[in-house]
Amino acid sequence: MLDKLMVQTTLLEKGLDAVARKNQVISGNIANVDTPGYKAKRIDFESVFQDALSGGFPDEVDQIDDRFAVTPMIYEEAGTSLRQDGNNVDIDQEMADLAQNSILYDTLTYAISRELGQLKLVISEGK
């Protein structure tokens, strides 16, 4: 049971790392909303996470480190432009992405809290 808890906690930790990185990318876009020529950046960790899980749910923490060592890809949206100055940041979209990312963060922190509560129960032998 302890191995399963450690695997789940480690996966949740990797998810939190990805959500934090996505938050940085979104914040960078928002900070550059008025920068002429700036192109919005996006991060794709969902497909990386899905690819890593395509081999099945890992049984050991070592498997997580091997399969989830891939860095999420950050790319620039070069094809679109909302303004004449070449900036393509849509502040409404960025704020929506930020809100969605915040909900995901809250969900992951709640899940980690539950996992750590179970770990505490295992350590205290159910007392």
C-alpha atoms as a PDB file:
ATOM      1  CA  MET A   1       0.000   0.000   0.000  1.00  0.00           C
ATOM      2  CA  LEU A   2       2.862   2.369   0.781  1.00  0.00           C
ATOM      3  CA  ASP A   3       4.303   1.926  -2.731  1.00  0.00           C
ATOM      4  CA  LYS A   4       0.956   2.823  -4.287  1.00  0.00           C
ATOM      5  CA  LEU A   5       0.686   5.953  -2.131  1.00  0.00           C
ATOM      6  CA  MET A   6       4.204   7.015  -3.071  1.00  0.00           C
ATOM      7  CA  VAL A   7       3.495   6.520  -6.789  1.00  0.00           C
ATOM      8  CA  GLN A   8       0.271   8.533  -6.611  1.00  0.00           C
ATOM      9  CA  THR A   9       1.892  11.296  -4.582  1.00  0.00           C
ATOM     10  CA  THR A  10       4.818  11.507  -7.004  1.00  0.00           C
ATOM     11  CA  LEU A  11       2.458  11.682  -9.994  1.00  0.00           C
ATOM     12  CA  LEU A  12       0.512  14.466  -8.316  1.00  0.00           C
ATOM     13  CA  GLU A  13       3.785  16.270  -7.621  1.00  0.00           C
ATOM     14  CA  LYS A  14       4.714  16.056 -11.312  1.00  0.00           C
ATOM     15  CA  GLY A  15       1.281  17.447 -12.161  1.00  0.00           C
ATOM     16  CA  LEU A  16       1.811  20.370  -9.784  1.00  0.00           C
ATOM     17  CA  ASP A  17       5.170  21.097 -11.403  1.00  0.00           C
ATOM     18  CA  ALA A  18       3.501  21.235 -14.812  1.00  0.00           C
ATOM     19  CA  VAL A  19       0.675  23.476 -13.543  1.00  0.00           C
ATOM     20  CA  ALA A  20       3.217  25.843 -11.983  1.00  0.00           C
ATOM     21  CA  ARG A  21       5.145  26.020 -15.261  1.00  0.00           C
ATOM     22  CA  LYS A  22       1.924  26.701 -17.187  1.00  0.00           C
ATOM     23  CA  ASN A  23       1.133  29.489 -14.739  1.00  0.00           C
ATOM     24  CA  GLN A  24       4.521  31.065 -15.513  1.00  0.00           C
ATOM     25  CA  VAL A  25       3.831  30.940 -19.254  1.00  0.00           C
ATOM     26  CA  ILE A  26       0.359  32.476 -18.861  1.00  0.00           C
ATOM     27  CA  SER A  27       1.726  35.169 -16.542  1.00  0.00           C
ATOM     28  CA  GLY A  28       4.410  35.984 -19.102  1.00  0.00           C
ATOM     29  CA  ASN A  29       1.745  36.412 -21.761  1.00  0.00           C
ATOM     30  CA  ILE A  30      -0.294  38.700 -19.509  1.00  0.00           C
ATOM     31  CA  ALA A  31       2.791  40.744 -18.617  1.00  0.00           C
ATOM     32  CA  ASN A  32       3.520  41.265 -22.324  1.00  0.00           C
ATOM     33  CA  VAL A  33      -0.011  42.157 -23.395  1.00  0.00           C
ATOM     34  CA  ASP A  34       1.155  45.632 -24.451  1.00  0.00           C
ATOM     35  CA  THR A  35       4.540  44.647 -25.913  1.00  0.00           C
ATOM     36  CA  PRO A  36       4.612  45.315 -29.672  1.00  0.00           C
ATOM     37  CA  GLY A  37       5.442  42.207 -31.691  1.00  0.00           C
ATOM     38  CA  TYR A  38       5.118  39.831 -28.740  1.00  0.00           C
ATOM     39  CA  LYS A  39       3.679  36.442 -29.624  1.00  0.00           C
ATOM     40  CA  ALA A  40       1.738  34.501 -27.013  1.00  0.00           C
ATOM     41  CA  LYS A  41       3.362  31.337 -25.742  1.00  0.00           C
ATOM     42  CA  ARG A  42       1.607  28.087 -24.949  1.00  0.00           C
ATOM     43  CA  ILE A  43       2.718  25.050 -23.032  1.00  0.00           C
ATOM     44  CA  ASP A  44       1.656  21.516 -23.838  1.00  0.00           C
ATOM     45  CA  PHE A  45       1.980  19.260 -20.840  1.00  0.00           C
ATOM     46  CA  GLU A  46      -1.341  17.462 -21.206  1.00  0.00           C
ATOM     47  CA  SER A  47      -0.198  15.455 -24.240  1.00  0.00           C
ATOM     48  CA  VAL A  48       3.173  14.727 -22.597  1.00  0.00           C
ATOM     49  CA  PHE A  49       1.354  13.457 -19.504  1.00  0.00           C
ATOM     50  CA  GLN A  50      -1.040  11.368 -21.634  1.00  0.00           C
ATOM     51  CA  ASP A  51       1.874   9.874 -23.583  1.00  0.00           C
ATOM     52  CA  ALA A  52       3.645   8.973 -20.344  1.00  0.00           C
ATOM     53  CA  LEU A  53       0.500   7.259 -19.020  1.00  0.00           C
ATOM     54  CA  SER A  54      -0.143   5.419 -22.292  1.00  0.00           C
ATOM     55  CA  GLY A  55       2.162   2.656 -21.082  1.00  0.00           C
ATOM     56  CA  GLY A  56      -0.160   2.031 -18.144  1.00  0.00           C
ATOM     57  CA  PHE A  57      -0.173   3.316 -14.605  1.00  0.00           C
ATOM     58  CA  PRO A  58       3.338   3.081 -13.102  1.00  0.00           C
ATOM     59  CA  ASP A  59       3.873   0.590 -10.278  1.00  0.00           C
ATOM     60  CA  GLU A  60       7.030   2.104  -8.812  1.00  0.00           C
ATOM     61  CA  VAL A  61       8.369   5.606  -8.268  1.00  0.00           C
ATOM     62  CA  ASP A  62      11.436   4.786 -10.413  1.00  0.00           C
ATOM     63  CA  GLN A  63       9.151   4.233 -13.403  1.00  0.00           C
ATOM     64  CA  ILE A  64       7.704   7.716 -12.922  1.00  0.00           C
ATOM     65  CA  ASP A  65      11.114   9.351 -13.030  1.00  0.00           C
ATOM     66  CA  ASP A  66      11.931   7.488 -16.251  1.00  0.00           C
ATOM     67  CA  ARG A  67       8.630   8.123 -18.045  1.00  0.00           C
ATOM     68  CA  PHE A  68       7.878  11.634 -16.789  1.00  0.00           C
ATOM     69  CA  ALA A  69      11.340  13.103 -17.275  1.00  0.00           C
ATOM     70  CA  VAL A  70      10.151  14.770 -20.483  1.00  0.00           C
ATOM     71  CA  THR A  71       9.921  18.551 -20.274  1.00  0.00           C
ATOM     72  CA  PRO A  72       6.632  20.019 -21.500  1.00  0.00           C
ATOM     73  CA  MET A  73       6.994  21.781 -24.827  1.00  0.00           C
ATOM     74  CA  ILE A  74       6.601  25.562 -24.918  1.00  0.00           C
ATOM     75  CA  TYR A  75       5.734  26.985 -28.300  1.00  0.00           C
ATOM     76  CA  GLU A  76       4.935  30.379 -29.709  1.00  0.00           C
ATOM     77  CA  GLU A  77       1.667  31.166 -31.481  1.00  0.00           C
ATOM     78  CA  ALA A  78       3.222  32.868 -34.469  1.00  0.00           C
ATOM     79  CA  GLY A  79       0.385  32.599 -36.975  1.00  0.00           C
ATOM     80  CA  THR A  80      -2.136  34.943 -35.404  1.00  0.00           C
ATOM     81  CA  SER A  81      -2.180  38.627 -34.660  1.00  0.00           C
ATOM     82  CA  LEU A  82      -4.948  40.545 -32.947  1.00  0.00           C
ATOM     83  CA  ARG A  83      -3.484  44.017 -33.341  1.00  0.00           C
ATOM     84  CA  GLN A  84      -1.585  46.089 -35.860  1.00  0.00           C
ATOM     85  CA  ASP A  85       1.565  46.080 -33.714  1.00  0.00           C
ATOM     86  CA  GLY A  86       1.886  42.302 -34.180  1.00  0.00           C
ATOM     87  CA  ASN A  87       1.007  41.350 -30.604  1.00  0.00           C
ATOM     88  CA  ASN A  88      -1.369  38.387 -30.493  1.00  0.00           C
ATOM     89  CA  VAL A  89      -2.086  38.138 -26.762  1.00  0.00           C
ATOM     90  CA  ASP A  90      -5.817  37.859 -26.100  1.00  0.00           C
ATOM     91  CA  ILE A  91      -6.164  39.024 -22.501  1.00  0.00           C
ATOM     92  CA  ASP A  92      -9.614  37.421 -22.149  1.00  0.00           C
ATOM     93  CA  GLN A  93      -8.233  34.047 -23.239  1.00  0.00           C
ATOM     94  CA  GLU A  94      -5.234  34.409 -20.931  1.00  0.00           C
ATOM     95  CA  MET A  95      -7.466  35.207 -17.957  1.00  0.00           C
ATOM     96  CA  ALA A  96      -9.679  32.209 -18.750  1.00  0.00           C
ATOM     97  CA  ASP A  97      -6.583  29.985 -19.028  1.00  0.00           C
ATOM     98  CA  LEU A  98      -5.313  31.361 -15.728  1.00  0.00           C
ATOM     99  CA  ALA A  99      -8.638  30.613 -14.006  1.00  0.00           C
ATOM    100  CA  GLN A 100      -8.695  27.083 -15.431  1.00  0.00           C
ATOM    101  CA  ASN A 101      -5.099  26.516 -14.358  1.00  0.00           C
ATOM    102  CA  SER A 102      -5.930  27.794 -10.872  1.00  0.00           C
ATOM    103  CA  ILE A 103      -8.775  25.280 -10.570  1.00  0.00           C
ATOM    104  CA  LEU A 104      -6.441  22.485 -11.655  1.00  0.00           C
ATOM    105  CA  TYR A 105      -3.873  23.640  -9.089  1.00  0.00           C
ATOM    106  CA  ASP A 106      -6.493  23.612  -6.325  1.00  0.00           C
ATOM    107  CA  THR A 107      -7.632  20.141  -7.363  1.00  0.00           C
ATOM    108  CA  LEU A 108      -4.091  18.757  -7.349  1.00  0.00           C
ATOM    109  CA  THR A 109      -3.220  20.287  -3.978  1.00  0.00           C
ATOM    110  CA  TYR A 110      -6.414  18.812  -2.508  1.00  0.00           C
ATOM    111  CA  ALA A 111      -5.524  15.394  -3.948  1.00  0.00           C
ATOM    112  CA  ILE A 112      -1.987  15.595  -2.537  1.00  0.00           C
ATOM    113  CA  SER A 113      -3.400  16.577   0.840  1.00  0.00           C
ATOM    114  CA  ARG A 114      -5.624  13.489   0.788  1.00  0.00           C
ATOM    115  CA  GLU A 115      -2.712  11.258  -0.250  1.00  0.00           C
ATOM    116  CA  LEU A 116      -0.538  12.619   2.546  1.00  0.00           C
ATOM    117  CA  GLY A 117      -3.404  12.051   4.986  1.00  0.00           C
ATOM    118  CA  GLN A 118      -3.511   8.412   3.906  1.00  0.00           C
ATOM    119  CA  LEU A 119       0.256   8.187   4.249  1.00  0.00           C
ATOM    120  CA  LYS A 120      -0.007   9.585   7.759  1.00  0.00           C
ATOM    121  CA  LEU A 121      -2.639   6.933   8.532  1.00  0.00           C
ATOM    122  CA  VAL A 122      -0.343   4.178   7.234  1.00  0.00           C
ATOM    123  CA  ILE A 123       2.583   5.486   9.279  1.00  0.00           C
ATOM    124  CA  SER A 124       0.501   5.659  12.446  1.00  0.00           C
ATOM    125  CA  GLU A 125      -0.759   2.116  11.753  1.00  0.00           C
ATOM    126  CA  GLY A 126      -4.373   3.230  11.501  1.00  0.00           C
ATOM    127  CA  LYS A 127      -4.516   4.805  14.955  1.00  0.00           C
END
